[in-house]
C-alpha atoms as a PDB file:
ATOM      1  CA  UNK A   1      13.858  -1.227 -12.506  1.00  0.00           C
ATOM      2  CA  UNK A   2      10.858  -3.565 -12.332  1.00  0.00           C
ATOM      3  CA  UNK A   3      11.163  -4.406 -16.033  1.00  0.00           C
ATOM      4  CA  UNK A   4      14.931  -4.875 -15.717  1.00  0.00           C
ATOM      5  CA  UNK A   5      14.476  -7.322 -12.832  1.00  0.00           C
ATOM      6  CA  UNK A   6      11.993  -9.354 -14.829  1.00  0.00           C
ATOM      7  CA  UNK A   7      14.278  -9.263 -17.887  1.00  0.00           C
ATOM      8  CA  UNK A   8      17.165 -10.483 -15.706  1.00  0.00           C
ATOM      9  CA  UNK A   9      15.169 -13.576 -14.782  1.00  0.00           C
ATOM     10  CA  UNK A  10      13.607 -12.650 -11.437  1.00  0.00           C
ATOM     11  CA  UNK A  11      10.499 -14.790 -11.149  1.00  0.00           C
ATOM     12  CA  UNK A  12       9.205 -12.876  -8.139  1.00  0.00           C
ATOM     13  CA  UNK A  13       9.861  -9.301  -7.071  1.00  0.00           C
ATOM     14  CA  UNK A  14       9.285  -8.030  -3.505  1.00  0.00           C
ATOM     15  CA  UNK A  15       8.695  -4.300  -3.241  1.00  0.00           C
ATOM     16  CA  UNK A  16       8.851  -2.415   0.060  1.00  0.00           C
ATOM     17  CA  UNK A  17       5.836  -0.170   0.351  1.00  0.00           C
ATOM     18  CA  UNK A  18       4.272   1.862   3.118  1.00  0.00           C
ATOM     19  CA  UNK A  19       0.971   2.083   4.935  1.00  0.00           C
ATOM     20  CA  UNK A  20       0.345   5.524   3.445  1.00  0.00           C
ATOM     21  CA  UNK A  21      -0.501   3.725   0.199  1.00  0.00           C
ATOM     22  CA  UNK A  22      -3.734   2.668   1.899  1.00  0.00           C
ATOM     23  CA  UNK A  23      -4.978   6.222   2.347  1.00  0.00           C
ATOM     24  CA  UNK A  24      -5.528   9.169   0.047  1.00  0.00           C
ATOM     25  CA  UNK A  25      -2.066  10.445  -0.993  1.00  0.00           C
ATOM     26  CA  UNK A  26      -1.334  13.499   1.144  1.00  0.00           C
ATOM     27  CA  UNK A  27       2.313  14.084   0.249  1.00  0.00           C
ATOM     28  CA  UNK A  28       4.673  13.675  -2.698  1.00  0.00           C
ATOM     29  CA  UNK A  29       6.198  10.724  -0.806  1.00  0.00           C
ATOM     30  CA  UNK A  30       2.892   8.879  -0.407  1.00  0.00           C
ATOM     31  CA  UNK A  31       1.901   9.640  -3.999  1.00  0.00           C
ATOM     32  CA  UNK A  32       5.199   8.204  -5.252  1.00  0.00           C
ATOM     33  CA  UNK A  33       4.727   5.060  -3.154  1.00  0.00           C
ATOM     34  CA  UNK A  34       1.198   4.660  -4.488  1.00  0.00           C
ATOM     35  CA  UNK A  35       2.495   5.055  -8.051  1.00  0.00           C
ATOM     36  CA  UNK A  36       5.088   2.304  -7.542  1.00  0.00           C
ATOM     37  CA  UNK A  37       2.359   0.042  -6.202  1.00  0.00           C
ATOM     38  CA  UNK A  38       0.277   0.733  -9.319  1.00  0.00           C
ATOM     39  CA  UNK A  39       3.235  -0.091 -11.574  1.00  0.00           C
ATOM     40  CA  UNK A  40       3.901  -3.481  -9.989  1.00  0.00           C
ATOM     41  CA  UNK A  41       0.167  -4.168  -9.893  1.00  0.00           C
ATOM     42  CA  UNK A  42       0.057  -3.685 -13.657  1.00  0.00           C
ATOM     43  CA  UNK A  43       3.094  -5.948 -14.104  1.00  0.00           C
ATOM     44  CA  UNK A  44       1.260  -8.625 -12.128  1.00  0.00           C
ATOM     45  CA  UNK A  45      -1.698  -8.403 -14.485  1.00  0.00           C
ATOM     46  CA  UNK A  46       0.803  -8.977 -17.286  1.00  0.00           C
ATOM     47  CA  UNK A  47       1.887 -12.228 -15.674  1.00  0.00           C
ATOM     48  CA  UNK A  48       4.815 -11.254 -13.415  1.00  0.00           C
ATOM     49  CA  UNK A  49       4.719 -12.298  -9.743  1.00  0.00           C
ATOM     50  CA  UNK A  50       5.249  -9.544  -7.203  1.00  0.00           C
ATOM     51  CA  UNK A  51       4.684  -8.785  -3.556  1.00  0.00           C
ATOM     52  CA  UNK A  52       4.084  -5.285  -2.234  1.00  0.00           C
ATOM     53  CA  UNK A  53       4.913  -5.338   1.492  1.00  0.00           C
ATOM     54  CA  UNK A  54       3.342  -2.415   3.335  1.00  0.00           C
ATOM     55  CA  UNK A  55       5.394  -1.173   6.306  1.00  0.00           C
ATOM     56  CA  UNK A  56       3.471   0.279   9.251  1.00  0.00           C
ATOM     57  CA  UNK A  57       5.066   2.945  11.477  1.00  0.00           C
ATOM     58  CA  UNK A  58       8.539   1.530  12.134  1.00  0.00           C
ATOM     59  CA  UNK A  59      10.623   2.473  15.171  1.00  0.00           C
ATOM     60  CA  UNK A  60      13.695   1.156  16.954  1.00  0.00           C
ATOM     61  CA  UNK A  61      17.460   1.408  17.234  1.00  0.00           C
ATOM     62  CA  UNK A  62      19.365   3.412  14.654  1.00  0.00           C
ATOM     63  CA  UNK A  63      16.417   5.619  13.702  1.00  0.00           C
ATOM     64  CA  UNK A  64      17.016   9.212  12.599  1.00  0.00           C
ATOM     65  CA  UNK A  65      17.072  11.235  15.862  1.00  0.00           C
ATOM     66  CA  UNK A  66      14.872  13.913  14.278  1.00  0.00           C
ATOM     67  CA  UNK A  67      11.954  11.524  13.780  1.00  0.00           C
ATOM     68  CA  UNK A  68       8.989  11.462  16.148  1.00  0.00           C
ATOM     69  CA  UNK A  69       9.724   8.451  18.369  1.00  0.00           C
ATOM     70  CA  UNK A  70      13.418   9.289  19.010  1.00  0.00           C
ATOM     71  CA  UNK A  71      12.485  12.921  19.635  1.00  0.00           C
ATOM     72  CA  UNK A  72       9.934  11.932  22.288  1.00  0.00           C
ATOM     73  CA  UNK A  73      12.300   9.436  23.919  1.00  0.00           C
ATOM     74  CA  UNK A  74      15.237  11.837  24.057  1.00  0.00           C
ATOM     75  CA  UNK A  75      13.173  14.730  25.390  1.00  0.00           C
ATOM     76  CA  UNK A  76      11.732  12.592  28.168  1.00  0.00           C
ATOM     77  CA  UNK A  77      15.164  11.221  29.064  1.00  0.00           C
ATOM     78  CA  UNK A  78      16.375  14.827  29.361  1.00  0.00           C
ATOM     79  CA  UNK A  79      13.420  15.662  31.607  1.00  0.00           C
ATOM     80  CA  UNK A  80      11.806  17.955  29.045  1.00  0.00           C
ATOM     81  CA  UNK A  81       8.036  18.220  28.480  1.00  0.00           C
ATOM     82  CA  UNK A  82       6.592  16.763  25.290  1.00  0.00           C
ATOM     83  CA  UNK A  83       3.614  18.544  23.719  1.00  0.00           C
ATOM     84  CA  UNK A  84       1.300  16.144  21.869  1.00  0.00           C
ATOM     85  CA  UNK A  85      -2.049  16.056  20.133  1.00  0.00           C
ATOM     86  CA  UNK A  86      -4.846  14.309  22.023  1.00  0.00           C
ATOM     87  CA  UNK A  87      -3.307  11.099  20.672  1.00  0.00           C
ATOM     88  CA  UNK A  88      -6.510   9.486  19.453  1.00  0.00           C
ATOM     89  CA  UNK A  89      -5.006   8.439  16.119  1.00  0.00           C
ATOM     90  CA  UNK A  90      -4.900   4.650  15.716  1.00  0.00           C
ATOM     91  CA  UNK A  91      -1.754   2.980  14.375  1.00  0.00           C
ATOM     92  CA  UNK A  92       0.077  -0.297  13.932  1.00  0.00           C
ATOM     93  CA  UNK A  93       3.656   0.232  15.180  1.00  0.00           C
ATOM     94  CA  UNK A  94       6.454  -2.097  14.035  1.00  0.00           C
ATOM     95  CA  UNK A  95       9.852  -2.516  15.662  1.00  0.00           C
ATOM     96  CA  UNK A  96      12.719  -2.615  13.168  1.00  0.00           C
ATOM     97  CA  UNK A  97      13.948  -6.030  14.375  1.00  0.00           C
ATOM     98  CA  UNK A  98      10.546  -7.623  13.831  1.00  0.00           C
ATOM     99  CA  UNK A  99      10.123  -5.715  10.590  1.00  0.00           C
ATOM    100  CA  UNK A 100      13.345  -7.189   9.177  1.00  0.00           C
ATOM    101  CA  UNK A 101      12.311 -10.684  10.262  1.00  0.00           C
ATOM    102  CA  UNK A 102       8.854 -10.318   8.704  1.00  0.00           C
ATOM    103  CA  UNK A 103      10.264  -8.966   5.451  1.00  0.00           C
ATOM    104  CA  UNK A 104      12.639 -11.926   5.195  1.00  0.00           C
ATOM    105  CA  UNK A 105       9.719 -14.315   5.748  1.00  0.00           C
ATOM    106  CA  UNK A 106       7.739 -12.621   2.984  1.00  0.00           C
ATOM    107  CA  UNK A 107      10.718 -12.608   0.611  1.00  0.00           C
ATOM    108  CA  UNK A 108      11.261 -16.350   1.048  1.00  0.00           C
ATOM    109  CA  UNK A 109       7.592 -17.340   0.969  1.00  0.00           C
ATOM    110  CA  UNK A 110       5.626 -18.433  -2.059  1.00  0.00           C
ATOM    111  CA  UNK A 111       3.080 -15.630  -1.928  1.00  0.00           C
ATOM    112  CA  UNK A 112       2.094 -12.747  -4.171  1.00  0.00           C
ATOM    113  CA  UNK A 113       0.056  -9.565  -4.045  1.00  0.00           C
ATOM    114  CA  UNK A 114      -0.123  -7.121  -1.143  1.00  0.00           C
ATOM    115  CA  UNK A 115       0.795  -8.027   2.425  1.00  0.00           C
ATOM    116  CA  UNK A 116       0.782  -5.748   5.459  1.00  0.00           C
ATOM    117  CA  UNK A 117       3.844  -5.890   7.710  1.00  0.00           C
ATOM    118  CA  UNK A 118       2.009  -5.420  10.995  1.00  0.00           C
ATOM    119  CA  UNK A 119       0.880  -7.657  13.838  1.00  0.00           C
ATOM    120  CA  UNK A 120      -1.367  -7.809  16.831  1.00  0.00           C
ATOM    121  CA  UNK A 121      -3.932  -5.163  17.697  1.00  0.00           C
ATOM    122  CA  UNK A 122      -3.432  -1.525  16.660  1.00  0.00           C
ATOM    123  CA  UNK A 123      -3.064   1.061  19.418  1.00  0.00           C
ATOM    124  CA  UNK A 124      -3.830   4.731  19.827  1.00  0.00           C
ATOM    125  CA  UNK A 125      -0.868   7.087  19.546  1.00  0.00           C
ATOM    126  CA  UNK A 126      -1.575   8.011  23.160  1.00  0.00           C
ATOM    127  CA  UNK A 127      -1.219   4.382  24.282  1.00  0.00           C
ATOM    128  CA  UNK A 128       2.072   4.007  22.419  1.00  0.00           C
ATOM    129  CA  UNK A 129       3.437   7.269  23.818  1.00  0.00           C
ATOM    130  CA  UNK A 130       2.404   6.210  27.323  1.00  0.00           C
ATOM    131  CA  UNK A 131       4.595   3.114  26.888  1.00  0.00           C
ATOM    132  CA  UNK A 132       7.516   5.429  26.117  1.00  0.00           C
ATOM    133  CA  UNK A 133       6.646   7.515  29.172  1.00  0.00           C
ATOM    134  CA  UNK A 134       6.638   4.433  31.378  1.00  0.00           C
ATOM    135  CA  UNK A 135       9.905   3.120  29.910  1.00  0.00           C
ATOM    136  CA  UNK A 136      11.653   6.435  30.568  1.00  0.00           C
ATOM    137  CA  UNK A 137       9.996   6.955  33.945  1.00  0.00           C
ATOM    138  CA  UNK A 138       8.754  10.382  32.760  1.00  0.00           C
ATOM    139  CA  UNK A 139       5.156   9.765  31.726  1.00  0.00           C
ATOM    140  CA  UNK A 140       3.978  12.856  33.605  1.00  0.00           C
ATOM    141  CA  UNK A 141       5.939  15.061  31.177  1.00  0.00           C
ATOM    142  CA  UNK A 142       3.718  14.120  28.220  1.00  0.00           C
ATOM    143  CA  UNK A 143       1.133  16.862  27.660  1.00  0.00           C
ATOM    144  CA  UNK A 144      -1.753  15.566  25.563  1.00  0.00           C
ATOM    145  CA  UNK A 145      -4.002  18.015  23.747  1.00  0.00           C
ATOM    146  CA  UNK A 146      -1.374  20.756  23.563  1.00  0.00           C
ATOM    147  CA  UNK A 147      -0.977  20.398  19.779  1.00  0.00           C
ATOM    148  CA  UNK A 148      -3.991  20.558  17.425  1.00  0.00           C
ATOM    149  CA  UNK A 149      -4.570  17.899  14.807  1.00  0.00           C
ATOM    150  CA  UNK A 150      -3.544  18.760  11.260  1.00  0.00           C
ATOM    151  CA  UNK A 151      -6.411  19.544   8.909  1.00  0.00           C
ATOM    152  CA  UNK A 152      -5.498  16.421   6.914  1.00  0.00           C
ATOM    153  CA  UNK A 153      -4.655  14.236   9.928  1.00  0.00           C
ATOM    154  CA  UNK A 154      -4.971  10.518   9.213  1.00  0.00           C
ATOM    155  CA  UNK A 155      -6.872   9.264  12.244  1.00  0.00           C
ATOM    156  CA  UNK A 156      -6.698   5.564  11.409  1.00  0.00           C
ATOM    157  CA  UNK A 157      -3.823   3.802   9.646  1.00  0.00           C
ATOM    158  CA  UNK A 158      -3.973   0.095  10.393  1.00  0.00           C
ATOM    159  CA  UNK A 159      -3.314  -3.049   8.420  1.00  0.00           C
ATOM    160  CA  UNK A 160      -4.476  -6.635   8.249  1.00  0.00           C
ATOM    161  CA  UNK A 161      -2.054  -8.845  10.226  1.00  0.00           C
ATOM    162  CA  UNK A 162      -3.756 -12.146   9.371  1.00  0.00           C
ATOM    163  CA  UNK A 163      -1.912 -12.946   6.089  1.00  0.00           C
ATOM    164  CA  UNK A 164       1.425 -12.514   7.871  1.00  0.00           C
ATOM    165  CA  UNK A 165       0.522 -14.131  11.198  1.00  0.00           C
ATOM    166  CA  UNK A 166      -1.832 -16.898  10.082  1.00  0.00           C
ATOM    167  CA  UNK A 167      -0.934 -17.252   6.419  1.00  0.00           C
ATOM    168  CA  UNK A 168       2.847 -17.293   6.837  1.00  0.00           C
ATOM    169  CA  UNK A 169       2.969 -18.334  10.491  1.00  0.00           C
ATOM    170  CA  UNK A 170       5.116 -15.379  11.479  1.00  0.00           C
ATOM    171  CA  UNK A 171       5.161 -13.875  14.991  1.00  0.00           C
ATOM    172  CA  UNK A 172       7.113 -10.942  16.469  1.00  0.00           C
ATOM    173  CA  UNK A 173      10.008 -11.723  18.781  1.00  0.00           C
ATOM    174  CA  UNK A 174       8.678  -9.607  21.660  1.00  0.00           C
ATOM    175  CA  UNK A 175       5.678  -7.559  22.765  1.00  0.00           C
ATOM    176  CA  UNK A 176       5.228  -3.906  21.866  1.00  0.00           C
ATOM    177  CA  UNK A 177       5.991  -2.898  25.458  1.00  0.00           C
ATOM    178  CA  UNK A 178       9.229  -4.919  25.407  1.00  0.00           C
ATOM    179  CA  UNK A 179      10.258  -3.392  22.089  1.00  0.00           C
ATOM    180  CA  UNK A 180       9.632   0.114  23.411  1.00  0.00           C
ATOM    181  CA  UNK A 181      11.753  -0.702  26.492  1.00  0.00           C
ATOM    182  CA  UNK A 182      14.559  -1.998  24.230  1.00  0.00           C
ATOM    183  CA  UNK A 183      14.397   1.147  22.129  1.00  0.00           C
ATOM    184  CA  UNK A 184      14.624   3.452  25.147  1.00  0.00           C
ATOM    185  CA  UNK A 185      17.599   1.491  26.451  1.00  0.00           C
ATOM    186  CA  UNK A 186      19.297   1.741  23.046  1.00  0.00           C
ATOM    187  CA  UNK A 187      18.957   5.530  23.073  1.00  0.00           C
ATOM    188  CA  UNK A 188      20.367   5.649  26.588  1.00  0.00           C
ATOM    189  CA  UNK A 189      23.437   3.702  25.437  1.00  0.00           C
ATOM    190  CA  UNK A 190      23.797   5.621  22.172  1.00  0.00           C
ATOM    191  CA  UNK A 191      25.116   8.822  23.740  1.00  0.00           C
ATOM    192  CA  UNK A 192      22.729  10.834  21.565  1.00  0.00           C
ATOM    193  CA  UNK A 193      20.335  11.939  24.291  1.00  0.00           C
ATOM    194  CA  UNK A 194      21.993  15.276  25.016  1.00  0.00           C
ATOM    195  CA  UNK A 195      20.331  18.399  23.631  1.00  0.00           C
ATOM    196  CA  UNK A 196      21.767  19.792  20.422  1.00  0.00           C
ATOM    197  CA  UNK A 197      22.184  16.413  18.713  1.00  0.00           C
ATOM    198  CA  UNK A 198      19.477  16.668  16.072  1.00  0.00           C
ATOM    199  CA  UNK A 199      16.863  17.968  18.474  1.00  0.00           C
END
């Protein structure tokens, strides 16, 4: 596909990557993403312009209900306890609305190489989950330390927001707390909070 795009006359190719490319591949998914990055990196050395945009922990409206953030939100809205690890992992979380805006900025900019789609300061998983607890009014139902860390747990997965924020002058449309509130409200309106709908 990369070669076909270049052959078709694309002077610059933007590839959507993931933050798991920055750590040792732990899954087939992360290994495949890393391999794609290596392919476009080689094409760059051969003179083709590319951008590999790394996405960091997206969340927001329309997400698969079985994924972590929707599962936590829906359980809390139903008044069910949520068992968590100690939540000391550090992450950059990105709301889908801001992610789309940032990706458009990168696609239209005259830049090349790798750029992280993240902004602001990273937070611990516990801090992010507390925001969900506050937005649902059920923070007391989150039980930290009930689930052990995986043997291969990635404790820190953060990016460098400076190229996006300072280099391209991009800023998110709202704070992380506001985006979490919006997401909780979306799930309330979606009608998919009831048990039995994908968890």
